N, C-alpha and C. Protein backbone atom coordinates (compact mmCIF):
# COMPACT_ATOMS: atom_id res chain seq x y z
N MET A 1 -9.90 -20.48 -29.57
CA MET A 1 -9.56 -20.27 -28.46
C MET A 1 -9.33 -18.57 -28.27
N VAL A 2 -9.42 -18.23 -27.44
CA VAL A 2 -9.53 -16.48 -26.95
C VAL A 2 -8.28 -16.11 -27.19
N ASP A 3 -8.04 -15.26 -27.94
CA ASP A 3 -6.51 -14.06 -27.62
C ASP A 3 -6.91 -13.35 -26.73
N LEU A 4 -5.76 -13.37 -25.76
CA LEU A 4 -6.43 -12.24 -24.73
C LEU A 4 -5.85 -10.86 -24.80
N SER A 5 -4.69 -11.18 -25.91
CA SER A 5 -4.30 -9.89 -25.81
C SER A 5 -5.16 -9.05 -26.75
N ARG A 6 -5.95 -9.67 -27.60
CA ARG A 6 -6.90 -8.84 -28.45
C ARG A 6 -8.05 -8.80 -27.71
N ARG A 7 -8.38 -9.50 -26.38
CA ARG A 7 -9.83 -9.35 -25.96
C ARG A 7 -9.13 -7.93 -24.84
N ARG A 8 -7.98 -7.65 -24.48
CA ARG A 8 -7.75 -6.89 -23.53
C ARG A 8 -7.84 -5.49 -24.14
N LEU A 9 -7.70 -5.47 -25.57
CA LEU A 9 -7.73 -4.02 -26.49
C LEU A 9 -9.09 -3.30 -26.14
N PHE A 10 -10.09 -4.19 -25.91
CA PHE A 10 -11.60 -4.14 -25.54
C PHE A 10 -12.39 -3.82 -24.21
N SER A 11 -10.98 -4.17 -23.34
CA SER A 11 -11.71 -4.25 -21.92
C SER A 11 -10.44 -3.27 -21.28
N ARG A 12 -9.69 -2.70 -21.98
CA ARG A 12 -8.78 -1.84 -21.20
C ARG A 12 -9.38 -0.44 -20.54
N ARG A 13 -8.61 -0.04 -19.38
CA ARG A 13 -9.25 1.02 -18.87
C ARG A 13 -8.18 1.91 -17.94
N LYS A 14 -8.26 2.78 -18.00
CA LYS A 14 -7.24 3.91 -17.60
C LYS A 14 -6.80 3.21 -16.17
N VAL A 15 -5.68 3.13 -15.63
CA VAL A 15 -5.67 2.85 -14.14
C VAL A 15 -5.32 4.01 -13.32
N ASP A 16 -6.00 4.14 -12.51
CA ASP A 16 -5.63 5.70 -11.41
C ASP A 16 -4.50 5.26 -10.73
N SER A 17 -3.75 6.08 -11.03
CA SER A 17 -2.19 6.16 -10.51
C SER A 17 -2.26 6.65 -9.04
N SER A 18 -3.37 7.54 -8.28
CA SER A 18 -3.37 7.39 -6.72
C SER A 18 -3.41 6.64 -6.14
N GLN A 19 -4.02 5.43 -6.99
CA GLN A 19 -4.03 4.01 -6.15
C GLN A 19 -2.85 3.40 -5.39
N ILE A 20 -2.93 2.57 -4.53
CA ILE A 20 -1.79 2.04 -4.48
C ILE A 20 -1.74 0.54 -5.09
N ARG A 21 -1.10 0.52 -5.70
CA ARG A 21 -0.84 -1.06 -6.48
C ARG A 21 0.01 -1.86 -5.75
N LEU A 22 0.14 -2.94 -6.42
CA LEU A 22 0.80 -4.29 -6.03
C LEU A 22 2.23 -3.69 -5.64
N PRO A 23 2.67 -4.58 -4.49
CA PRO A 23 4.47 -3.92 -4.42
C PRO A 23 5.11 -5.15 -5.91
N TRP A 24 6.33 -4.26 -5.54
CA TRP A 24 7.19 -5.08 -7.06
C TRP A 24 6.47 -4.68 -8.62
N ILE A 25 5.44 -3.92 -8.92
CA ILE A 25 5.08 -3.65 -10.14
C ILE A 25 6.09 -3.38 -11.09
N ASN A 26 6.50 -3.49 -12.16
CA ASN A 26 7.46 -3.09 -12.84
C ASN A 26 7.01 -1.63 -13.13
N SER A 27 5.94 -1.28 -13.42
CA SER A 27 5.33 0.24 -13.80
C SER A 27 4.13 -0.07 -13.61
N LEU A 28 3.19 1.26 -13.57
CA LEU A 28 1.90 1.67 -14.06
C LEU A 28 1.52 1.11 -15.26
N GLU A 29 2.27 1.22 -16.31
CA GLU A 29 2.10 1.35 -18.05
C GLU A 29 2.27 -0.12 -18.01
N SER A 30 3.37 -1.06 -17.35
CA SER A 30 3.08 -2.41 -17.72
C SER A 30 2.01 -3.20 -16.95
N PHE A 31 1.77 -2.90 -15.95
CA PHE A 31 0.48 -3.03 -14.98
C PHE A 31 -0.95 -3.20 -15.91
N ALA A 32 -1.05 -1.94 -16.51
CA ALA A 32 -2.09 -1.62 -17.15
C ALA A 32 -2.06 -2.57 -18.23
N ASP A 33 -1.30 -2.70 -18.93
CA ASP A 33 -1.21 -3.34 -20.26
C ASP A 33 -1.49 -4.91 -19.54
N ASP A 34 -0.78 -5.25 -18.63
CA ASP A 34 -0.28 -6.73 -18.92
C ASP A 34 -1.41 -7.66 -17.84
N CYS A 35 -1.92 -6.67 -16.70
CA CYS A 35 -2.80 -7.47 -15.93
C CYS A 35 -4.21 -7.65 -16.50
N THR A 36 -4.18 -9.01 -16.23
CA THR A 36 -5.75 -9.72 -16.92
C THR A 36 -6.64 -9.55 -16.01
N ARG A 37 -6.33 -9.41 -14.53
CA ARG A 37 -7.39 -9.07 -13.53
C ARG A 37 -8.09 -10.46 -13.35
N CYS A 38 -7.47 -11.21 -13.00
CA CYS A 38 -7.50 -12.52 -13.22
C CYS A 38 -8.04 -13.05 -11.27
N GLY A 39 -7.51 -12.23 -10.66
CA GLY A 39 -7.73 -12.28 -8.68
C GLY A 39 -7.07 -13.27 -8.38
N LYS A 40 -5.74 -13.68 -9.01
CA LYS A 40 -5.02 -14.78 -8.10
C LYS A 40 -4.47 -14.01 -7.00
N CYS A 41 -4.13 -12.81 -7.60
CA CYS A 41 -3.36 -12.05 -6.84
C CYS A 41 -3.71 -11.83 -5.05
N ILE A 42 -5.45 -11.49 -5.58
CA ILE A 42 -6.07 -11.17 -4.63
C ILE A 42 -6.48 -12.35 -3.69
N GLU A 43 -6.71 -13.34 -4.11
CA GLU A 43 -6.56 -14.91 -3.44
C GLU A 43 -5.65 -15.01 -2.62
N SER A 44 -4.43 -15.14 -3.26
CA SER A 44 -3.23 -15.44 -2.58
C SER A 44 -2.72 -14.62 -1.44
N CYS A 45 -3.38 -13.15 -1.27
CA CYS A 45 -2.42 -12.13 0.16
C CYS A 45 -2.77 -12.70 1.29
N GLU A 46 -2.11 -13.39 2.08
CA GLU A 46 -1.73 -13.79 3.42
C GLU A 46 -2.42 -12.37 4.36
N THR A 47 -2.75 -11.41 4.01
CA THR A 47 -3.39 -10.12 4.85
C THR A 47 -4.40 -9.81 4.37
N HIS A 48 -4.88 -10.08 3.10
CA HIS A 48 -6.24 -9.75 2.47
C HIS A 48 -6.49 -8.31 2.36
N ILE A 49 -5.17 -7.51 1.92
CA ILE A 49 -5.37 -6.19 1.87
C ILE A 49 -5.36 -5.86 0.21
N ILE A 50 -5.15 -6.95 -0.65
CA ILE A 50 -5.39 -6.98 -1.83
C ILE A 50 -6.93 -6.92 -2.17
N ILE A 51 -7.41 -5.86 -2.93
CA ILE A 51 -8.75 -5.98 -3.22
C ILE A 51 -8.96 -5.60 -4.51
N VAL A 52 -10.53 -5.50 -5.27
CA VAL A 52 -10.70 -4.95 -6.36
C VAL A 52 -10.78 -3.56 -6.74
N GLY A 53 -10.02 -3.19 -7.51
CA GLY A 53 -10.17 -1.55 -7.61
C GLY A 53 -10.63 -1.02 -8.45
N ASP A 54 -10.71 0.01 -9.21
CA ASP A 54 -10.88 0.58 -10.42
C ASP A 54 -10.63 -0.30 -11.42
N GLY A 55 -11.80 -0.27 -12.61
CA GLY A 55 -11.69 -1.09 -13.54
C GLY A 55 -11.39 -2.77 -13.42
N GLY A 56 -11.73 -2.77 -11.85
CA GLY A 56 -11.23 -4.29 -11.66
C GLY A 56 -9.91 -4.53 -11.63
N PHE A 57 -9.23 -3.80 -11.38
CA PHE A 57 -7.38 -3.66 -11.36
C PHE A 57 -7.11 -4.05 -9.86
N PRO A 58 -6.25 -5.17 -9.38
CA PRO A 58 -6.17 -4.91 -8.36
C PRO A 58 -5.50 -3.80 -7.33
N THR A 59 -5.68 -3.38 -6.16
CA THR A 59 -5.32 -2.51 -5.32
C THR A 59 -5.03 -2.83 -3.92
N VAL A 60 -4.13 -1.97 -3.24
CA VAL A 60 -4.13 -2.48 -1.91
C VAL A 60 -5.06 -1.65 -1.24
N ASP A 61 -5.28 -2.16 0.25
CA ASP A 61 -6.57 -1.63 0.80
C ASP A 61 -5.86 -1.82 2.44
N PHE A 62 -5.11 -0.57 2.83
CA PHE A 62 -4.37 -0.91 4.12
C PHE A 62 -5.75 -0.64 5.00
N SER A 63 -6.64 -0.35 5.19
CA SER A 63 -7.73 -0.22 6.35
C SER A 63 -7.68 -1.76 6.72
N LYS A 64 -7.63 -2.61 6.16
CA LYS A 64 -7.74 -4.33 6.55
C LYS A 64 -6.56 -4.24 7.29
N ASP A 65 -5.27 -4.31 7.08
CA ASP A 65 -4.25 -4.98 7.55
C ASP A 65 -3.09 -4.13 6.85
N GLU A 66 -1.99 -4.82 7.13
CA GLU A 66 -0.61 -4.24 6.38
C GLU A 66 0.19 -5.32 5.54
N CYS A 67 0.90 -4.92 4.59
CA CYS A 67 1.68 -5.62 3.70
C CYS A 67 3.00 -6.17 4.08
N THR A 68 3.08 -7.66 4.40
CA THR A 68 4.12 -8.20 4.84
C THR A 68 5.03 -8.48 4.13
N PHE A 69 5.11 -8.02 2.59
CA PHE A 69 6.01 -8.00 1.50
C PHE A 69 6.24 -9.68 1.39
N CYS A 70 5.49 -10.36 1.35
CA CYS A 70 5.62 -12.00 1.42
C CYS A 70 5.50 -12.42 -0.29
N TYR A 71 5.45 -11.67 -1.41
CA TYR A 71 5.85 -12.00 -2.43
C TYR A 71 4.74 -12.74 -2.87
N GLN A 72 3.70 -13.37 -2.60
CA GLN A 72 2.66 -14.17 -2.86
C GLN A 72 2.04 -13.81 -3.96
N CYS A 73 1.80 -12.13 -3.82
CA CYS A 73 1.16 -11.82 -5.39
C CYS A 73 1.77 -12.05 -6.73
N ALA A 74 3.04 -11.61 -6.24
CA ALA A 74 4.01 -11.85 -7.62
C ALA A 74 4.26 -13.51 -8.14
N ASP A 75 4.32 -14.34 -6.95
CA ASP A 75 4.38 -15.70 -6.92
C ASP A 75 3.63 -16.18 -8.08
N VAL A 76 2.68 -15.55 -7.80
CA VAL A 76 1.17 -16.35 -8.43
C VAL A 76 0.56 -15.70 -9.70
N CYS A 77 1.33 -14.83 -10.10
CA CYS A 77 0.86 -14.20 -10.72
C CYS A 77 1.27 -14.66 -12.43
N PRO A 78 0.32 -14.98 -13.43
CA PRO A 78 0.82 -15.50 -14.58
C PRO A 78 1.51 -14.53 -15.54
N GLU A 79 1.47 -12.99 -15.33
CA GLU A 79 1.87 -12.26 -16.35
C GLU A 79 3.61 -11.34 -15.88
N PRO A 80 4.04 -10.71 -16.73
CA PRO A 80 5.56 -10.32 -16.37
C PRO A 80 5.10 -8.91 -16.17
N ILE A 81 4.66 -8.53 -15.03
CA ILE A 81 4.49 -7.39 -14.58
C ILE A 81 5.22 -7.08 -13.07
N PHE A 82 5.95 -8.23 -12.44
CA PHE A 82 6.41 -7.84 -11.28
C PHE A 82 7.93 -8.17 -11.44
N LYS A 83 8.68 -7.24 -10.59
CA LYS A 83 10.55 -7.06 -10.44
C LYS A 83 10.66 -8.28 -9.30
N PRO A 84 11.93 -8.49 -9.78
CA PRO A 84 12.27 -9.65 -8.54
C PRO A 84 12.04 -9.28 -7.20
N LYS A 85 11.70 -10.23 -6.33
CA LYS A 85 11.97 -9.81 -4.77
C LYS A 85 13.20 -8.98 -4.27
N GLU A 86 14.37 -9.48 -4.67
CA GLU A 86 15.22 -8.74 -4.02
C GLU A 86 15.24 -7.07 -4.64
N GLU A 87 14.53 -6.28 -5.00
CA GLU A 87 14.32 -5.05 -5.59
C GLU A 87 13.32 -4.57 -4.32
N THR A 88 13.42 -3.12 -4.46
CA THR A 88 12.58 -2.29 -3.13
C THR A 88 11.17 -2.72 -3.87
N PRO A 89 10.40 -3.01 -2.79
CA PRO A 89 8.83 -2.96 -3.32
C PRO A 89 7.92 -2.19 -3.82
N TRP A 90 8.17 -1.02 -3.58
CA TRP A 90 7.39 0.05 -3.87
C TRP A 90 8.26 1.33 -3.28
N LEU A 91 7.68 2.51 -3.72
CA LEU A 91 7.89 4.11 -3.31
C LEU A 91 7.11 4.40 -2.41
N ALA A 92 6.11 3.67 -2.01
CA ALA A 92 4.88 4.63 -1.10
C ALA A 92 5.49 4.77 0.33
N LYS A 93 4.83 5.46 0.73
CA LYS A 93 5.19 6.02 2.12
C LYS A 93 4.20 6.71 3.06
N ALA A 94 4.24 6.42 4.13
CA ALA A 94 3.24 7.08 5.12
C ALA A 94 3.19 8.32 5.26
N ALA A 95 1.81 9.20 5.31
CA ALA A 95 1.85 10.28 5.72
C ALA A 95 1.07 10.77 6.53
N ILE A 96 1.03 11.26 7.96
CA ILE A 96 0.13 11.93 8.80
C ILE A 96 -0.63 13.16 8.69
N SER A 97 -2.14 13.08 8.62
CA SER A 97 -2.50 14.22 8.34
C SER A 97 -3.10 15.19 9.53
N ASP A 98 -3.76 16.02 9.55
CA ASP A 98 -4.04 17.11 10.79
C ASP A 98 -5.31 16.14 11.78
N LYS A 99 -5.58 15.11 10.99
CA LYS A 99 -6.74 14.48 11.86
C LYS A 99 -5.84 13.60 12.70
N CYS A 100 -4.53 13.32 13.22
CA CYS A 100 -3.90 12.72 14.45
C CYS A 100 -4.72 13.18 15.71
N LEU A 101 -4.83 12.29 16.52
CA LEU A 101 -5.19 12.75 17.79
C LEU A 101 -4.63 13.20 18.45
N ALA A 102 -2.81 13.39 18.32
CA ALA A 102 -1.64 14.02 19.10
C ALA A 102 -1.68 15.42 18.58
N GLN A 103 -2.01 15.59 17.42
CA GLN A 103 -2.18 16.85 16.95
C GLN A 103 -2.99 17.61 17.23
N GLN A 104 -4.01 17.36 17.86
CA GLN A 104 -5.47 17.67 18.90
C GLN A 104 -5.27 17.49 20.22
N ASN A 105 -3.83 16.98 20.66
CA ASN A 105 -3.58 17.15 22.00
C ASN A 105 -4.18 16.12 22.68
N VAL A 106 -4.23 14.89 22.43
CA VAL A 106 -4.73 13.95 22.88
C VAL A 106 -3.71 12.48 22.53
N GLU A 107 -3.12 12.20 23.98
CA GLU A 107 -2.24 11.05 23.71
C GLU A 107 -2.54 9.74 22.63
N CYS A 108 -1.89 9.48 21.93
CA CYS A 108 -2.25 8.44 21.13
C CYS A 108 -0.83 8.11 20.66
N ARG A 109 -0.31 6.82 20.68
CA ARG A 109 0.69 6.23 19.99
C ARG A 109 0.57 5.06 19.07
N SER A 110 -0.47 4.59 19.00
CA SER A 110 -1.32 3.63 18.00
C SER A 110 -0.23 3.18 16.70
N CYS A 111 -0.14 4.28 16.08
CA CYS A 111 0.85 4.03 14.80
C CYS A 111 2.31 3.88 14.98
N GLY A 112 2.90 4.09 16.31
CA GLY A 112 4.57 3.90 16.54
C GLY A 112 4.45 2.73 16.94
N ASP A 113 3.56 2.12 17.81
CA ASP A 113 3.51 0.82 18.53
C ASP A 113 3.57 0.05 16.95
N MET A 114 2.76 -0.07 16.20
CA MET A 114 3.11 -0.97 15.02
C MET A 114 3.96 -0.74 14.23
N CYS A 115 4.86 0.29 14.14
CA CYS A 115 5.63 0.14 13.06
C CYS A 115 6.83 -0.33 13.25
N GLU A 116 6.78 -1.52 12.46
CA GLU A 116 8.00 -2.61 12.88
C GLU A 116 9.75 -1.64 12.58
N PRO A 117 9.71 -0.83 11.39
CA PRO A 117 10.80 -0.68 11.14
C PRO A 117 11.18 1.02 11.69
N MET A 118 10.37 1.14 12.60
CA MET A 118 10.54 2.18 13.70
C MET A 118 10.96 3.62 12.85
N ALA A 119 9.81 4.01 11.77
CA ALA A 119 9.80 4.91 11.22
C ALA A 119 9.09 6.16 11.80
N ILE A 120 8.19 5.31 12.46
CA ILE A 120 7.27 6.54 13.29
C ILE A 120 7.93 6.96 14.74
N GLN A 121 8.86 8.27 14.85
CA GLN A 121 8.93 8.60 15.98
C GLN A 121 8.36 9.71 16.54
N PHE A 122 8.48 9.66 18.03
CA PHE A 122 7.75 10.91 18.87
C PHE A 122 8.19 11.98 19.17
N GLN A 123 8.04 12.70 18.92
CA GLN A 123 8.69 14.22 19.25
C GLN A 123 8.35 14.78 20.32
N LEU A 124 8.84 15.04 21.73
CA LEU A 124 8.49 15.48 22.81
C LEU A 124 8.12 16.90 22.66
N ARG A 125 7.13 17.22 23.69
CA ARG A 125 6.72 18.66 23.26
C ARG A 125 6.46 19.23 24.80
N ALA A 126 7.17 20.01 25.18
CA ALA A 126 6.57 20.49 26.72
C ALA A 126 5.16 21.11 26.65
N GLY A 127 4.74 20.70 28.18
CA GLY A 127 3.35 20.93 28.21
C GLY A 127 1.96 20.09 27.21
N SER A 128 2.50 19.19 26.45
CA SER A 128 2.05 18.70 25.31
C SER A 128 2.14 17.50 25.31
N VAL A 129 1.20 16.78 24.19
CA VAL A 129 1.63 15.74 23.99
C VAL A 129 2.49 15.50 22.76
N ALA A 130 3.25 14.28 23.05
CA ALA A 130 4.22 14.15 21.76
C ALA A 130 3.50 13.92 20.79
N LEU A 131 4.19 14.50 19.23
CA LEU A 131 3.63 14.67 18.20
C LEU A 131 4.58 13.35 17.35
N PRO A 132 3.53 12.58 16.23
CA PRO A 132 4.44 11.41 15.65
C PRO A 132 4.88 12.43 14.23
N LYS A 133 6.09 11.59 13.98
CA LYS A 133 6.90 12.31 12.62
C LYS A 133 7.22 11.00 11.64
N ILE A 134 7.20 10.92 10.98
CA ILE A 134 7.51 9.57 10.23
C ILE A 134 9.00 10.08 9.66
N GLU A 135 9.84 9.11 9.83
CA GLU A 135 11.10 9.01 9.24
C GLU A 135 11.01 8.60 7.77
N LEU A 136 10.96 9.28 6.47
CA LEU A 136 10.59 8.53 5.27
C LEU A 136 11.49 7.73 4.86
N ASP A 137 12.76 7.82 5.27
CA ASP A 137 13.99 7.22 4.89
C ASP A 137 13.73 5.66 5.20
N GLU A 138 13.30 5.29 6.61
CA GLU A 138 12.91 4.59 7.49
C GLU A 138 11.51 3.70 7.15
N CYS A 139 10.71 4.27 6.49
CA CYS A 139 9.27 3.66 6.15
C CYS A 139 9.13 3.06 4.50
N SER A 140 8.44 2.07 5.16
CA SER A 140 8.87 0.55 4.06
C SER A 140 7.41 0.79 2.86
N GLY A 141 6.34 1.39 3.86
CA GLY A 141 5.11 1.91 2.91
C GLY A 141 4.09 0.60 3.05
N CYS A 142 4.63 -0.47 4.41
CA CYS A 142 3.48 -1.43 4.57
C CYS A 142 2.27 -1.10 5.30
N GLY A 143 1.87 0.24 5.68
CA GLY A 143 0.70 0.43 5.91
C GLY A 143 0.29 -0.01 7.21
N ALA A 144 1.33 -0.80 8.20
CA ALA A 144 0.73 -1.46 9.43
C ALA A 144 0.32 -0.23 10.85
N CYS A 145 0.33 1.15 10.25
CA CYS A 145 -0.25 2.28 11.12
C CYS A 145 -1.15 2.57 10.44
N VAL A 146 -1.75 2.23 9.47
CA VAL A 146 -2.94 2.63 8.95
C VAL A 146 -3.92 2.30 9.52
N ALA A 147 -4.52 0.92 9.59
CA ALA A 147 -5.94 0.19 10.13
C ALA A 147 -5.27 0.91 11.68
N VAL A 148 -4.36 0.91 12.45
CA VAL A 148 -4.70 0.84 13.61
C VAL A 148 -5.20 2.46 14.15
N CYS A 149 -5.04 3.48 13.69
CA CYS A 149 -5.04 4.88 13.73
C CYS A 149 -6.95 5.07 13.69
N PRO A 150 -7.19 5.04 15.00
CA PRO A 150 -8.16 5.49 15.40
C PRO A 150 -9.20 6.89 14.94
N ASN A 151 -8.20 7.49 14.42
CA ASN A 151 -9.01 8.66 13.44
C ASN A 151 -8.73 8.68 11.96
N SER A 152 -7.94 7.43 11.55
CA SER A 152 -8.05 7.52 10.06
C SER A 152 -7.11 8.36 9.40
N ALA A 153 -6.34 8.78 10.53
CA ALA A 153 -5.41 10.38 9.77
C ALA A 153 -4.13 9.86 9.16
N ILE A 154 -3.99 8.72 8.92
CA ILE A 154 -2.78 8.15 8.06
C ILE A 154 -2.88 7.56 6.71
N LEU A 155 -2.35 7.98 5.79
CA LEU A 155 -2.57 7.51 4.45
C LEU A 155 -1.22 7.34 3.96
N VAL A 156 -0.94 6.02 3.23
CA VAL A 156 -0.06 5.45 2.70
C VAL A 156 -0.41 5.88 1.34
N SER A 157 0.79 6.68 0.48
CA SER A 157 0.29 7.22 -1.04
C SER A 157 1.85 6.84 -1.76
N ASN A 158 1.65 6.91 -3.05
CA ASN A 158 2.94 6.55 -3.99
C ASN A 158 3.54 8.06 -3.35
N ALA A 159 5.08 7.40 -3.59
CA ALA A 159 6.10 9.23 -3.43
C ALA A 159 6.25 9.62 -4.82
């Protein structure tokens, strides 16, 4: 029988902290130490946003869809890397870059239309199009705004 804890000593790689990891992970350290990269979370994701990232660790790709916070990834994981569902899933938040069409005076409200918690509000400007503004206290980091942005101007990152 293979001792997985010893096996992981040889296969461990540093986890890139800039990548968005799964919701509800205890910590990046426990994730790096305890994730066996079995792929069960990838298979269980209802929106297919969990992909294989650097070092084979699962990561979230919001260009595909949004996180619905269904908790399936945590439910199927055999390792103790997830917090209870009642806790905050993550501290990730969306940010809008200067590639935003509205910042180039082109009317676009795709991100706001997709934002269920209504964290993206539009500030009216005289003689120009309204600019999106993210209310960080309202943003769940779900990523619904990312895939619909025609200019890839929105990025969700760890707060």
